[in-house]
Amino acid sequence: MCSQHGQWLRLVVRDDGVGGARCSRVGSSSSGLTGLTDRVHAVDGRFDIVSPQRGPTVVTVDLPLHA
């Protein structure tokens, strides 16, 4: 789902998996959810993940809209 809220673009992705997704760093490299988080924060955005055991996982990303 994608929507605009004022000067923000909101993206919401939900799956029907088993849950338990986490952002973690392996060594000094970033990948997966951690890499996405880093990229969102690099443009002053917000990244939120809710992933309880037995799911579902919901990822919400808010990105600023710049003129």
C-alpha atoms as a PDB file:
ATOM      1  CA  MET A   1       0.000   0.000   0.000  1.00  0.00           C
ATOM      2  CA  CYS A   2       1.240   3.493  -0.792  1.00  0.00           C
ATOM      3  CA  SER A   3      -0.243   6.809   0.327  1.00  0.00           C
ATOM      4  CA  GLN A   4       0.710  10.444   0.780  1.00  0.00           C
ATOM      5  CA  HIS A   5       0.322  12.220   4.128  1.00  0.00           C
ATOM      6  CA  GLY A   6       1.248  15.877   3.779  1.00  0.00           C
ATOM      7  CA  GLN A   7       4.940  16.002   2.939  1.00  0.00           C
ATOM      8  CA  TRP A   8       5.424  12.260   3.530  1.00  0.00           C
ATOM      9  CA  LEU A   9       5.067   9.213   1.318  1.00  0.00           C
ATOM     10  CA  ARG A  10       4.030   6.102   3.295  1.00  0.00           C
ATOM     11  CA  LEU A  11       4.693   2.559   2.082  1.00  0.00           C
ATOM     12  CA  VAL A  12       3.234  -0.395   3.975  1.00  0.00           C
ATOM     13  CA  VAL A  13       4.114  -3.999   3.172  1.00  0.00           C
ATOM     14  CA  ARG A  14       2.425  -6.881   4.979  1.00  0.00           C
ATOM     15  CA  ASP A  15       3.040 -10.577   4.496  1.00  0.00           C
ATOM     16  CA  ASP A  16       1.384 -13.764   5.667  1.00  0.00           C
ATOM     17  CA  GLY A  17       4.575 -15.460   6.850  1.00  0.00           C
ATOM     18  CA  VAL A  18       5.553 -16.874  10.225  1.00  0.00           C
ATOM     19  CA  GLY A  19       6.909 -13.607  11.660  1.00  0.00           C
ATOM     20  CA  GLY A  20      10.088 -13.124  13.618  1.00  0.00           C
ATOM     21  CA  ALA A  21      11.801 -10.834  11.080  1.00  0.00           C
ATOM     22  CA  ARG A  22      14.538  -8.702  12.629  1.00  0.00           C
ATOM     23  CA  CYS A  23      17.042  -6.103  11.513  1.00  0.00           C
ATOM     24  CA  SER A  24      20.539  -7.277  12.382  1.00  0.00           C
ATOM     25  CA  ARG A  25      24.082  -6.588  11.284  1.00  0.00           C
ATOM     26  CA  VAL A  26      26.456  -9.340  10.254  1.00  0.00           C
ATOM     27  CA  GLY A  27      30.054  -8.200  10.667  1.00  0.00           C
ATOM     28  CA  SER A  28      30.468  -4.735   9.188  1.00  0.00           C
ATOM     29  CA  SER A  29      28.220  -5.179   6.156  1.00  0.00           C
ATOM     30  CA  SER A  30      24.527  -4.379   5.819  1.00  0.00           C
ATOM     31  CA  SER A  31      21.979  -6.416   3.943  1.00  0.00           C
ATOM     32  CA  GLY A  32      18.300  -7.239   3.919  1.00  0.00           C
ATOM     33  CA  LEU A  33      16.155  -5.279   6.351  1.00  0.00           C
ATOM     34  CA  THR A  34      19.195  -3.591   7.895  1.00  0.00           C
ATOM     35  CA  GLY A  35      20.270  -2.294   4.492  1.00  0.00           C
ATOM     36  CA  LEU A  36      16.771  -0.990   3.813  1.00  0.00           C
ATOM     37  CA  THR A  37      16.704   0.731   7.208  1.00  0.00           C
ATOM     38  CA  ASP A  38      20.052   2.409   6.481  1.00  0.00           C
ATOM     39  CA  ARG A  39      18.838   3.666   3.105  1.00  0.00           C
ATOM     40  CA  VAL A  40      15.584   5.046   4.530  1.00  0.00           C
ATOM     41  CA  HIS A  41      17.417   6.822   7.346  1.00  0.00           C
ATOM     42  CA  ALA A  42      19.919   8.270   4.831  1.00  0.00           C
ATOM     43  CA  VAL A  43      17.097  10.367   3.330  1.00  0.00           C
ATOM     44  CA  ASP A  44      15.697  11.324   6.764  1.00  0.00           C
ATOM     45  CA  GLY A  45      12.909   8.761   6.528  1.00  0.00           C
ATOM     46  CA  ARG A  46      11.396   6.451   9.106  1.00  0.00           C
ATOM     47  CA  PHE A  47      11.435   2.646   9.033  1.00  0.00           C
ATOM     48  CA  ASP A  48       9.329   0.479  11.330  1.00  0.00           C
ATOM     49  CA  ILE A  49       8.930  -3.280  11.427  1.00  0.00           C
ATOM     50  CA  VAL A  50       6.430  -5.254  13.510  1.00  0.00           C
ATOM     51  CA  SER A  51       6.911  -8.996  13.219  1.00  0.00           C
ATOM     52  CA  PRO A  52       5.508 -11.040  16.086  1.00  0.00           C
ATOM     53  CA  GLN A  53       6.063 -14.791  16.193  1.00  0.00           C
ATOM     54  CA  ARG A  54       3.432 -16.520  14.044  1.00  0.00           C
ATOM     55  CA  GLY A  55       3.162 -13.308  11.958  1.00  0.00           C
ATOM     56  CA  PRO A  56       2.195 -11.355  10.118  1.00  0.00           C
ATOM     57  CA  THR A  57       5.134  -9.051   9.431  1.00  0.00           C
ATOM     58  CA  VAL A  58       4.298  -5.413   8.672  1.00  0.00           C
ATOM     59  CA  VAL A  59       6.949  -3.004   7.396  1.00  0.00           C
ATOM     60  CA  THR A  60       6.092   0.701   7.331  1.00  0.00           C
ATOM     61  CA  VAL A  61       8.351   3.217   5.586  1.00  0.00           C
ATOM     62  CA  ASP A  62       7.790   6.979   5.639  1.00  0.00           C
ATOM     63  CA  LEU A  63       9.833   8.991   3.139  1.00  0.00           C
ATOM     64  CA  PRO A  64       9.937  12.795   3.040  1.00  0.00           C
ATOM     65  CA  LEU A  65       8.749  14.397  -0.193  1.00  0.00           C
ATOM     66  CA  HIS A  66      11.144  17.131  -1.254  1.00  0.00           C
ATOM     67  CA  ALA A  67      10.123  19.797  -3.763  1.00  0.00           C
END
